[in-house]
């Protein structure tokens, strides 16, 4: 008796779909960050306060943008079959991006706790 496959999708197609879905999520993060910045500016023009301090606004505006760029930069060169040197350069830029996000986050968290008197 022959066994039937339940899903006719091969592994390579599924992995490629998963990689492109990571790129799509990165694009959504970048788009969401840009829309959030636009929304914040329109609220500021109307004279309404945002409610977050400057450091937290900076973190919430830049964190999704930088994370989305990191997600896009991680997958796109491999999916487009870029040369090895291009992949290495993009990986180095992603490392710098990760360090930058870490520094921004640590500085904001430190300011947040110092303002509350917890540290």
C-alpha atoms as a PDB file:
ATOM      1  CA  UNK A   1       0.000   0.000   0.000  1.00  0.00           C
ATOM      2  CA  UNK A   2       1.374   3.397  -0.969  1.00  0.00           C
ATOM      3  CA  UNK A   3       1.374   6.230   1.526  1.00  0.00           C
ATOM      4  CA  UNK A   4      -0.212   9.452   0.417  1.00  0.00           C
ATOM      5  CA  UNK A   5       1.195  12.814   1.262  1.00  0.00           C
ATOM      6  CA  UNK A   6      -1.264  15.051   3.013  1.00  0.00           C
ATOM      7  CA  UNK A   7       0.303  18.289   1.796  1.00  0.00           C
ATOM      8  CA  UNK A   8       1.760  18.357  -1.701  1.00  0.00           C
ATOM      9  CA  UNK A   9       4.056  21.306  -0.799  1.00  0.00           C
ATOM     10  CA  UNK A  10       7.702  20.381  -0.872  1.00  0.00           C
ATOM     11  CA  UNK A  11      10.072  21.525   1.867  1.00  0.00           C
ATOM     12  CA  UNK A  12      11.977  23.968  -0.323  1.00  0.00           C
ATOM     13  CA  UNK A  13       8.828  25.832  -1.288  1.00  0.00           C
ATOM     14  CA  UNK A  14       7.708  26.049   2.327  1.00  0.00           C
ATOM     15  CA  UNK A  15      11.089  27.360   3.493  1.00  0.00           C
ATOM     16  CA  UNK A  16      11.108  29.968   0.746  1.00  0.00           C
ATOM     17  CA  UNK A  17       7.584  31.025   1.763  1.00  0.00           C
ATOM     18  CA  UNK A  18       8.689  31.310   5.391  1.00  0.00           C
ATOM     19  CA  UNK A  19      11.702  33.428   4.411  1.00  0.00           C
ATOM     20  CA  UNK A  20       9.551  35.779   2.353  1.00  0.00           C
ATOM     21  CA  UNK A  21       7.054  36.004   5.214  1.00  0.00           C
ATOM     22  CA  UNK A  22       9.883  37.260   7.463  1.00  0.00           C
ATOM     23  CA  UNK A  23      10.633  39.910   4.830  1.00  0.00           C
ATOM     24  CA  UNK A  24       6.935  40.840   4.726  1.00  0.00           C
ATOM     25  CA  UNK A  25       6.843  41.189   8.515  1.00  0.00           C
ATOM     26  CA  UNK A  26       9.898  43.439   8.342  1.00  0.00           C
ATOM     27  CA  UNK A  27       8.162  45.581   5.726  1.00  0.00           C
ATOM     28  CA  UNK A  28       5.087  45.795   7.965  1.00  0.00           C
ATOM     29  CA  UNK A  29       7.255  46.931  10.887  1.00  0.00           C
ATOM     30  CA  UNK A  30       8.893  49.624   8.752  1.00  0.00           C
ATOM     31  CA  UNK A  31       5.531  50.741   7.396  1.00  0.00           C
ATOM     32  CA  UNK A  32       3.993  50.736  10.870  1.00  0.00           C
ATOM     33  CA  UNK A  33       6.849  52.830  12.199  1.00  0.00           C
ATOM     34  CA  UNK A  34       6.475  55.375   9.418  1.00  0.00           C
ATOM     35  CA  UNK A  35       2.701  55.553   9.930  1.00  0.00           C
ATOM     36  CA  UNK A  36       3.244  55.951  13.674  1.00  0.00           C
ATOM     37  CA  UNK A  37       5.647  58.850  13.108  1.00  0.00           C
ATOM     38  CA  UNK A  38       3.182  60.461  10.704  1.00  0.00           C
ATOM     39  CA  UNK A  39       0.337  60.014  13.226  1.00  0.00           C
ATOM     40  CA  UNK A  40       2.430  61.510  16.028  1.00  0.00           C
ATOM     41  CA  UNK A  41       3.244  64.560  13.904  1.00  0.00           C
ATOM     42  CA  UNK A  42      -0.396  65.133  12.985  1.00  0.00           C
ATOM     43  CA  UNK A  43      -1.388  64.899  16.661  1.00  0.00           C
ATOM     44  CA  UNK A  44       1.363  67.356  17.606  1.00  0.00           C
ATOM     45  CA  UNK A  45       0.114  69.829  14.973  1.00  0.00           C
ATOM     46  CA  UNK A  46      -3.359  69.649  16.464  1.00  0.00           C
ATOM     47  CA  UNK A  47      -1.870  70.516  19.853  1.00  0.00           C
ATOM     48  CA  UNK A  48      -2.647  67.239  21.562  1.00  0.00           C
ATOM     49  CA  UNK A  49       0.035  65.859  23.872  1.00  0.00           C
ATOM     50  CA  UNK A  50       1.339  62.414  23.174  1.00  0.00           C
ATOM     51  CA  UNK A  51       1.784  61.386  26.805  1.00  0.00           C
ATOM     52  CA  UNK A  52       5.176  59.692  26.542  1.00  0.00           C
ATOM     53  CA  UNK A  53       8.409  61.375  27.474  1.00  0.00           C
ATOM     54  CA  UNK A  54      10.913  62.173  24.763  1.00  0.00           C
ATOM     55  CA  UNK A  55      13.085  59.091  25.293  1.00  0.00           C
ATOM     56  CA  UNK A  56      10.206  56.650  25.154  1.00  0.00           C
ATOM     57  CA  UNK A  57       8.775  58.348  22.061  1.00  0.00           C
ATOM     58  CA  UNK A  58      12.197  58.056  20.437  1.00  0.00           C
ATOM     59  CA  UNK A  59      12.387  54.354  21.288  1.00  0.00           C
ATOM     60  CA  UNK A  60       8.865  53.568  20.089  1.00  0.00           C
ATOM     61  CA  UNK A  61       9.438  55.493  16.877  1.00  0.00           C
ATOM     62  CA  UNK A  62      12.792  53.973  15.978  1.00  0.00           C
ATOM     63  CA  UNK A  63      12.660  50.454  17.417  1.00  0.00           C
ATOM     64  CA  UNK A  64      10.134  49.011  14.917  1.00  0.00           C
ATOM     65  CA  UNK A  65      11.884  50.763  12.040  1.00  0.00           C
ATOM     66  CA  UNK A  66      15.311  49.396  12.945  1.00  0.00           C
ATOM     67  CA  UNK A  67      13.973  45.911  13.701  1.00  0.00           C
ATOM     68  CA  UNK A  68      12.135  45.832  10.384  1.00  0.00           C
ATOM     69  CA  UNK A  69      15.250  46.903   8.513  1.00  0.00           C
ATOM     70  CA  UNK A  70      17.201  44.183  10.299  1.00  0.00           C
ATOM     71  CA  UNK A  71      14.641  41.537   9.347  1.00  0.00           C
ATOM     72  CA  UNK A  72      14.641  42.666   5.736  1.00  0.00           C
ATOM     73  CA  UNK A  73      18.431  42.848   5.553  1.00  0.00           C
ATOM     74  CA  UNK A  74      18.823  39.389   7.037  1.00  0.00           C
ATOM     75  CA  UNK A  75      16.742  37.521   4.474  1.00  0.00           C
ATOM     76  CA  UNK A  76      16.708  39.491   1.215  1.00  0.00           C
ATOM     77  CA  UNK A  77      20.337  38.979   0.059  1.00  0.00           C
ATOM     78  CA  UNK A  78      20.061  35.215   0.447  1.00  0.00           C
ATOM     79  CA  UNK A  79      16.679  35.089  -1.242  1.00  0.00           C
ATOM     80  CA  UNK A  80      17.955  37.103  -4.189  1.00  0.00           C
ATOM     81  CA  UNK A  81      21.047  34.850  -4.481  1.00  0.00           C
ATOM     82  CA  UNK A  82      23.418  37.756  -3.923  1.00  0.00           C
ATOM     83  CA  UNK A  83      27.180  37.133  -4.029  1.00  0.00           C
ATOM     84  CA  UNK A  84      28.878  36.087  -0.823  1.00  0.00           C
ATOM     85  CA  UNK A  85      30.602  39.448  -0.383  1.00  0.00           C
ATOM     86  CA  UNK A  86      27.260  41.276  -0.503  1.00  0.00           C
ATOM     87  CA  UNK A  87      25.801  38.910   2.085  1.00  0.00           C
ATOM     88  CA  UNK A  88      28.808  39.512   4.354  1.00  0.00           C
ATOM     89  CA  UNK A  89      28.503  43.299   4.065  1.00  0.00           C
ATOM     90  CA  UNK A  90      24.788  43.174   4.858  1.00  0.00           C
ATOM     91  CA  UNK A  91      25.471  40.877   7.829  1.00  0.00           C
ATOM     92  CA  UNK A  92      28.050  43.353   9.144  1.00  0.00           C
ATOM     93  CA  UNK A  93      25.550  46.206   8.765  1.00  0.00           C
ATOM     94  CA  UNK A  94      22.927  44.127  10.574  1.00  0.00           C
ATOM     95  CA  UNK A  95      25.375  43.582  13.433  1.00  0.00           C
ATOM     96  CA  UNK A  96      25.973  47.336  13.695  1.00  0.00           C
ATOM     97  CA  UNK A  97      22.207  47.842  13.600  1.00  0.00           C
ATOM     98  CA  UNK A  98      21.716  45.324  16.420  1.00  0.00           C
ATOM     99  CA  UNK A  99      24.329  47.049  18.574  1.00  0.00           C
ATOM    100  CA  UNK A 100      22.705  50.426  17.877  1.00  0.00           C
ATOM    101  CA  UNK A 101      19.258  49.154  18.866  1.00  0.00           C
ATOM    102  CA  UNK A 102      20.731  47.640  22.046  1.00  0.00           C
ATOM    103  CA  UNK A 103      22.392  50.923  22.999  1.00  0.00           C
ATOM    104  CA  UNK A 104      19.200  52.917  22.320  1.00  0.00           C
ATOM    105  CA  UNK A 105      17.145  50.483  24.367  1.00  0.00           C
ATOM    106  CA  UNK A 106      19.559  50.408  27.308  1.00  0.00           C
ATOM    107  CA  UNK A 107      19.811  54.207  27.404  1.00  0.00           C
ATOM    108  CA  UNK A 108      16.041  54.599  27.328  1.00  0.00           C
ATOM    109  CA  UNK A 109      15.470  51.955  29.998  1.00  0.00           C
ATOM    110  CA  UNK A 110      18.126  53.582  32.191  1.00  0.00           C
ATOM    111  CA  UNK A 111      16.487  57.011  31.795  1.00  0.00           C
ATOM    112  CA  UNK A 112      13.089  55.532  32.518  1.00  0.00           C
ATOM    113  CA  UNK A 113      14.203  53.950  35.789  1.00  0.00           C
ATOM    114  CA  UNK A 114      16.277  56.970  36.827  1.00  0.00           C
ATOM    115  CA  UNK A 115      13.247  59.192  36.338  1.00  0.00           C
ATOM    116  CA  UNK A 116      11.225  56.923  38.606  1.00  0.00           C
ATOM    117  CA  UNK A 117      14.007  56.805  41.196  1.00  0.00           C
ATOM    118  CA  UNK A 118      14.398  53.033  41.033  1.00  0.00           C
ATOM    119  CA  UNK A 119      18.133  52.941  40.309  1.00  0.00           C
END
